[in-house]
Amino acid sequence: MMGRRRAWRAALTAVFVAAVLGGVTLTLRGQQWSTLGRLLRPETAGWLLAALLVTGVGLLCGMRAWTLTLASVGAVVPPRTGVRMFFVGFLGKFVPGRVWGLLAQLRLGDAAGVSRGRMAGTYLVNLVVVLLTGGAVGLLVAPAVLGTGTGLAWLLLPVALLVMLAIRPGVLDTLVRLAARVARRPRPAPLHRPAEVRHAIAWQSLSWVLSGVHLWIVAVLLGADAGAALPAAVGAFALATTAGTVALFVPDGAGVREVLVVAALSTVLPLPAAVTAAVASRVLSTLAEALTAGLALLAVAASERLATSGDPATPSAGGDPRLTPTPG
């Protein structure tokens, strides 16, 4: 029975990995690779490597934000377990429909002793944090696109909601209950540690800023003024990626993100250069995300193998003795 279970687990893992690789390929296949000739020069190699690294660091900040939202609903897991749960769910964004990453997280949550109610609560809390912080950081691009008219005041709504959430994280419980009622779903677990939401907001905001720096580097390499391009690039990336998150039926928001990035960067670059920057951003961010997730998961697997070989009595990640019990 155990052998059959391992075989099924290995088969499902292989299918998921193949689906992620297919999604990454589909995302990159439609890019206009010929436009990247302006960037792929020996003198720009160091800058492009820096863009990859800063995007990877930004993703790690996003991982920290997610684990904090998991803790906010009362599920405290060991670091290795949290890393695996986050990155498996994250890689699911490359599979059309996005539901597969969530299902994989639910399965990992079951193995780690985290109830489905808490996993659902984590998903909803994290989604609110990601959307609000992405919208708030995205406002950096608003003056360049819309000018400085009084209409900009209406765009401060995400910031106002974010401030309210930071002051009173308990408001999330009301929003989550309402969303569950509208969707006719069971009520997710309530917040147990509201302060963790504040920390998650800070880490996710930092994630958006760092992740957007790669687009700034690309824009400067293409001739944009460094000062003017910084808020435009960081804001454009946050806003475009947030919009891509809502586009559930395309892998990683392919197409949606590029349109918004081009529109924003055309304020600091000629249109052809803005198109090149959008294509380069897609390629760089996809490579950085895939590499960071893959290396993180490999590091977790290697760490667990070392721990198991050092102590035969050490259980697998799902039964880590440091796991804080999380009853339904």
Foldseek 3Di string as FASTA:
>chain_A
DVVVVVVVVVVVVVVLVVLLVVLLCVLLVPFPVVLQPLQPDPVNVVVLVVLLVLLLVLVVLLLLLLQLLLVQLPWHADPLLSLLLVLQLVSCLSHFQSVVSLVVSCVSCVLQQHHPLSSVSSVQLSLLLLLLLLLQLLLLLVCLQPNDDPVSVVSCVSVVVVVVCLVPVQVVLVVQQVVCVVVVHPRGRHTPHSNSSNVSSVSNNSSLLSNQVSLLSLLVSLPFDSVVSNSLSSSLQSNQQSVLVVVRRRRSNRPSSLVSQLSRCVSGDPSSSSSNSSSSSSVSSSVSSVVSSVVSNVVSVVVQVVVCVVPVPQDGSSPGVVTDNHDD
